[in-house]
C-alpha cells in the first residue's frame, strides 16, 4: 500500500478489523513526486464463513455471461494457416 502515514494507519486499522494481518513491513519513504508518502507491504490471512458462491445461471446472466463448452469449441475451430508466399 502507498499513502500518507495517516492513510496507512487508517487502512491498516480497517484491514485488521476485516482480516488477520500476519505481517506488516517497515514503512519506506518515497521520493520525487510521491514525497511525503510511504510504501508498506501487508500479508493478510482471510477466512470466509459464508457458503461458496454458486455458479451463475447462463439464462439470467445476460450477454457475455454464458458458459462455453471449451472441448467442443476446440474440436470445431479452424486453425489459421500461415501462407509462406516468399518460399
N, C-alpha and C. Protein backbone atom coordinates (compact mmCIF):
# COMPACT_ATOMS: atom_id res chain seq x y z
N UNK A 1 0.84 -1.15 0.00
CA UNK A 1 0.00 0.00 0.00
C UNK A 1 0.90 1.23 0.00
N UNK A 2 0.38 2.28 -0.62
CA UNK A 2 1.10 3.54 -0.67
C UNK A 2 0.17 4.64 -0.18
N UNK A 3 0.66 5.50 0.69
CA UNK A 3 -0.15 6.62 1.16
C UNK A 3 0.60 7.42 2.20
N UNK A 4 -0.08 8.42 2.71
CA UNK A 4 0.49 9.21 3.80
C UNK A 4 0.46 8.37 5.06
N UNK A 5 1.23 8.73 6.07
CA UNK A 5 1.19 7.96 7.31
C UNK A 5 -0.22 7.81 7.89
N UNK A 6 -1.02 8.88 7.83
CA UNK A 6 -2.39 8.81 8.35
C UNK A 6 -3.25 7.86 7.52
N UNK A 7 -3.09 7.90 6.19
CA UNK A 7 -3.84 6.98 5.32
C UNK A 7 -3.44 5.53 5.58
N UNK A 8 -2.16 5.29 5.76
CA UNK A 8 -1.70 3.93 6.02
C UNK A 8 -2.20 3.43 7.37
N UNK A 9 -2.19 4.30 8.39
CA UNK A 9 -2.72 3.91 9.70
C UNK A 9 -4.19 3.53 9.60
N UNK A 10 -4.96 4.34 8.89
CA UNK A 10 -6.39 4.06 8.74
C UNK A 10 -6.63 2.77 7.96
N UNK A 11 -5.87 2.56 6.88
CA UNK A 11 -6.03 1.35 6.08
C UNK A 11 -5.67 0.10 6.88
N UNK A 12 -4.59 0.15 7.62
CA UNK A 12 -4.18 -1.00 8.43
C UNK A 12 -5.24 -1.28 9.50
N UNK A 13 -5.82 -0.24 10.09
CA UNK A 13 -6.87 -0.44 11.09
C UNK A 13 -8.09 -1.13 10.50
N UNK A 14 -8.50 -0.70 9.30
CA UNK A 14 -9.65 -1.32 8.64
C UNK A 14 -9.34 -2.77 8.27
N UNK A 15 -8.17 -3.00 7.72
CA UNK A 15 -7.80 -4.37 7.33
C UNK A 15 -7.66 -5.28 8.55
N UNK A 16 -7.17 -4.75 9.65
CA UNK A 16 -7.05 -5.55 10.86
C UNK A 16 -8.43 -5.96 11.38
N UNK A 17 -9.41 -5.09 11.22
CA UNK A 17 -10.77 -5.43 11.64
C UNK A 17 -11.41 -6.45 10.71
N UNK A 18 -10.97 -6.49 9.46
CA UNK A 18 -11.56 -7.38 8.47
C UNK A 18 -10.83 -8.71 8.36
N UNK A 19 -9.52 -8.69 8.45
CA UNK A 19 -8.71 -9.88 8.24
C UNK A 19 -7.63 -9.95 9.30
N UNK A 20 -6.96 -11.07 9.33
CA UNK A 20 -5.84 -11.25 10.25
C UNK A 20 -4.57 -10.81 9.53
N UNK A 21 -3.94 -9.77 10.04
CA UNK A 21 -2.71 -9.25 9.43
C UNK A 21 -1.55 -10.08 9.97
N UNK A 22 -0.92 -10.84 9.09
CA UNK A 22 0.17 -11.72 9.52
C UNK A 22 1.52 -11.03 9.47
N UNK A 23 1.66 -10.01 8.63
CA UNK A 23 2.95 -9.34 8.52
C UNK A 23 2.75 -7.92 8.00
N UNK A 24 3.46 -6.98 8.60
CA UNK A 24 3.49 -5.60 8.13
C UNK A 24 4.95 -5.21 7.98
N UNK A 25 5.31 -4.74 6.80
CA UNK A 25 6.70 -4.35 6.57
C UNK A 25 6.97 -2.98 7.20
N UNK A 26 8.24 -2.61 7.22
CA UNK A 26 8.61 -1.27 7.65
C UNK A 26 8.10 -0.27 6.62
N UNK A 27 7.89 0.94 7.03
CA UNK A 27 7.47 1.98 6.10
C UNK A 27 8.69 2.50 5.35
N UNK A 28 8.55 2.56 4.04
CA UNK A 28 9.64 3.05 3.19
C UNK A 28 9.20 4.38 2.60
N UNK A 29 9.91 5.46 2.92
CA UNK A 29 9.52 6.76 2.36
C UNK A 29 9.78 6.80 0.86
N UNK A 30 8.87 7.44 0.13
CA UNK A 30 9.01 7.58 -1.31
C UNK A 30 9.61 8.95 -1.62
N UNK A 31 10.16 9.09 -2.79
CA UNK A 31 10.83 10.33 -3.19
C UNK A 31 10.17 10.90 -4.44
N UNK A 32 10.62 12.04 -4.85
CA UNK A 32 10.15 12.66 -6.08
C UNK A 32 8.73 13.19 -5.92
N UNK A 33 7.89 12.89 -6.90
CA UNK A 33 6.50 13.37 -6.88
C UNK A 33 5.72 12.77 -5.72
N UNK A 34 6.17 11.65 -5.17
CA UNK A 34 5.48 11.00 -4.06
C UNK A 34 6.10 11.32 -2.71
N UNK A 35 6.88 12.37 -2.62
CA UNK A 35 7.50 12.75 -1.35
C UNK A 35 6.41 13.00 -0.31
N UNK A 36 6.65 12.52 0.89
CA UNK A 36 5.66 12.64 1.96
C UNK A 36 4.77 11.42 2.07
N UNK A 37 4.90 10.52 1.12
CA UNK A 37 4.12 9.28 1.14
C UNK A 37 5.06 8.12 1.45
N UNK A 38 4.48 7.03 1.91
CA UNK A 38 5.26 5.85 2.28
C UNK A 38 4.67 4.61 1.64
N UNK A 39 5.49 3.58 1.53
CA UNK A 39 5.06 2.28 0.99
C UNK A 39 5.14 1.25 2.11
N UNK A 40 4.10 0.45 2.24
CA UNK A 40 4.04 -0.61 3.24
C UNK A 40 3.52 -1.86 2.55
N UNK A 41 4.13 -2.99 2.86
CA UNK A 41 3.65 -4.28 2.37
C UNK A 41 2.94 -4.99 3.50
N UNK A 42 1.77 -5.55 3.19
CA UNK A 42 1.00 -6.30 4.18
C UNK A 42 0.80 -7.72 3.70
N UNK A 43 0.74 -8.63 4.63
CA UNK A 43 0.35 -10.00 4.33
C UNK A 43 -0.87 -10.30 5.19
N UNK A 44 -1.97 -10.68 4.54
CA UNK A 44 -3.24 -10.90 5.21
C UNK A 44 -3.64 -12.36 5.13
N UNK A 45 -4.38 -12.80 6.12
CA UNK A 45 -5.00 -14.12 6.11
C UNK A 45 -6.50 -13.92 6.22
N UNK A 46 -7.23 -14.35 5.21
CA UNK A 46 -8.68 -14.20 5.19
C UNK A 46 -9.35 -15.54 5.39
N UNK A 47 -10.43 -15.53 6.11
CA UNK A 47 -11.26 -16.73 6.24
C UNK A 47 -12.68 -16.33 5.89
N UNK A 48 -13.41 -17.26 5.34
CA UNK A 48 -14.79 -16.98 4.99
C UNK A 48 -15.70 -17.93 5.73
N UNK A 49 -16.75 -17.40 6.27
CA UNK A 49 -17.75 -18.23 6.93
C UNK A 49 -18.96 -18.41 6.03
N UNK A 50 -19.02 -17.63 4.96
CA UNK A 50 -20.14 -17.70 4.03
C UNK A 50 -20.00 -18.92 3.12
N UNK A 51 -21.10 -19.47 2.66
CA UNK A 51 -21.01 -20.60 1.73
C UNK A 51 -20.38 -20.17 0.41
N UNK A 52 -19.83 -21.12 -0.28
CA UNK A 52 -19.19 -20.83 -1.57
C UNK A 52 -20.21 -20.26 -2.54
N UNK A 53 -19.74 -19.34 -3.37
CA UNK A 53 -20.63 -18.74 -4.35
C UNK A 53 -21.07 -19.78 -5.36
N UNK A 54 -22.33 -19.70 -5.71
CA UNK A 54 -22.82 -20.68 -6.70
C UNK A 54 -22.59 -20.16 -8.10
N UNK A 55 -22.51 -21.05 -9.04
CA UNK A 55 -22.28 -20.69 -10.44
C UNK A 55 -23.50 -19.96 -10.98
N UNK A 56 -23.31 -18.83 -11.68
CA UNK A 56 -24.46 -18.08 -12.21
C UNK A 56 -25.20 -18.86 -13.27
N UNK A 57 -26.51 -18.62 -13.34
CA UNK A 57 -27.36 -19.27 -14.34
C UNK A 57 -27.15 -18.59 -15.68
N UNK A 58 -26.70 -19.32 -16.73
CA UNK A 58 -26.43 -18.68 -18.02
C UNK A 58 -27.66 -18.01 -18.62
N UNK A 59 -28.85 -18.48 -18.27
CA UNK A 59 -30.05 -17.89 -18.84
C UNK A 59 -30.33 -16.50 -18.27
N UNK A 60 -29.77 -16.18 -17.11
CA UNK A 60 -30.07 -14.90 -16.47
C UNK A 60 -28.88 -13.97 -16.38
N UNK A 61 -27.73 -14.36 -16.89
CA UNK A 61 -26.54 -13.51 -16.74
C UNK A 61 -26.42 -12.45 -17.81
N UNK A 62 -27.18 -12.53 -18.88
CA UNK A 62 -27.12 -11.51 -19.91
C UNK A 62 -26.03 -11.78 -20.92
N UNK A 63 -25.81 -10.83 -21.83
CA UNK A 63 -24.81 -11.03 -22.88
C UNK A 63 -23.41 -11.18 -22.32
N UNK A 64 -22.68 -12.13 -22.86
CA UNK A 64 -21.32 -12.35 -22.43
C UNK A 64 -21.20 -13.20 -21.18
N UNK A 65 -22.32 -13.58 -20.59
CA UNK A 65 -22.27 -14.33 -19.36
C UNK A 65 -22.48 -15.82 -19.54
N UNK A 66 -22.73 -16.27 -20.74
CA UNK A 66 -22.98 -17.68 -20.97
C UNK A 66 -21.69 -18.48 -20.86
N UNK A 67 -21.81 -19.71 -20.38
CA UNK A 67 -20.66 -20.59 -20.29
C UNK A 67 -20.41 -21.25 -21.63
N UNK A 68 -19.16 -21.48 -21.94
CA UNK A 68 -18.78 -22.08 -23.22
C UNK A 68 -18.19 -23.45 -22.95
N UNK A 69 -18.61 -24.44 -23.74
CA UNK A 69 -18.02 -25.77 -23.66
C UNK A 69 -16.70 -25.72 -24.43
N UNK A 70 -15.59 -25.63 -23.72
CA UNK A 70 -14.29 -25.44 -24.36
C UNK A 70 -13.87 -26.64 -25.20
N UNK A 71 -14.20 -27.85 -24.78
CA UNK A 71 -13.84 -29.03 -25.57
C UNK A 71 -14.50 -29.00 -26.94
N UNK A 72 -15.79 -28.65 -26.98
CA UNK A 72 -16.49 -28.57 -28.26
C UNK A 72 -15.94 -27.42 -29.10
N UNK A 73 -15.67 -26.31 -28.49
CA UNK A 73 -15.14 -25.16 -29.22
C UNK A 73 -13.78 -25.48 -29.83
N UNK A 74 -12.94 -26.18 -29.07
CA UNK A 74 -11.61 -26.54 -29.60
C UNK A 74 -11.71 -27.55 -30.73
N UNK A 75 -12.66 -28.48 -30.62
CA UNK A 75 -12.80 -29.52 -31.64
C UNK A 75 -13.33 -28.95 -32.95
N UNK A 76 -14.13 -27.90 -32.89
CA UNK A 76 -14.75 -27.38 -34.10
C UNK A 76 -14.07 -26.16 -34.68
N UNK A 77 -13.08 -25.60 -33.99
CA UNK A 77 -12.44 -24.39 -34.51
C UNK A 77 -11.50 -24.73 -35.66
N UNK A 78 -11.37 -23.78 -36.54
CA UNK A 78 -10.43 -23.94 -37.65
C UNK A 78 -9.15 -23.25 -37.25
N UNK A 79 -8.05 -23.89 -37.50
CA UNK A 79 -6.77 -23.27 -37.18
C UNK A 79 -6.36 -22.36 -38.33
N UNK A 80 -5.75 -21.27 -38.00
CA UNK A 80 -5.28 -20.34 -39.02
C UNK A 80 -4.02 -20.90 -39.67
N UNK A 81 -3.97 -20.82 -40.97
CA UNK A 81 -2.79 -21.29 -41.69
C UNK A 81 -2.01 -20.09 -42.19
N UNK A 82 -0.74 -20.15 -41.96
CA UNK A 82 0.11 -19.08 -42.44
C UNK A 82 0.66 -19.50 -43.79
N UNK A 83 0.39 -18.66 -44.77
CA UNK A 83 0.89 -18.96 -46.10
C UNK A 83 2.27 -18.35 -46.24
N UNK A 84 3.16 -19.14 -46.77
CA UNK A 84 4.53 -18.68 -46.96
C UNK A 84 4.72 -18.38 -48.44
N UNK A 85 4.37 -17.17 -48.82
CA UNK A 85 4.42 -16.80 -50.24
C UNK A 85 5.84 -16.56 -50.73
N UNK A 86 6.75 -16.30 -49.84
CA UNK A 86 8.10 -15.97 -50.26
C UNK A 86 8.98 -17.18 -50.54
N UNK A 87 8.50 -18.39 -50.27
CA UNK A 87 9.37 -19.57 -50.42
C UNK A 87 9.25 -20.17 -51.80
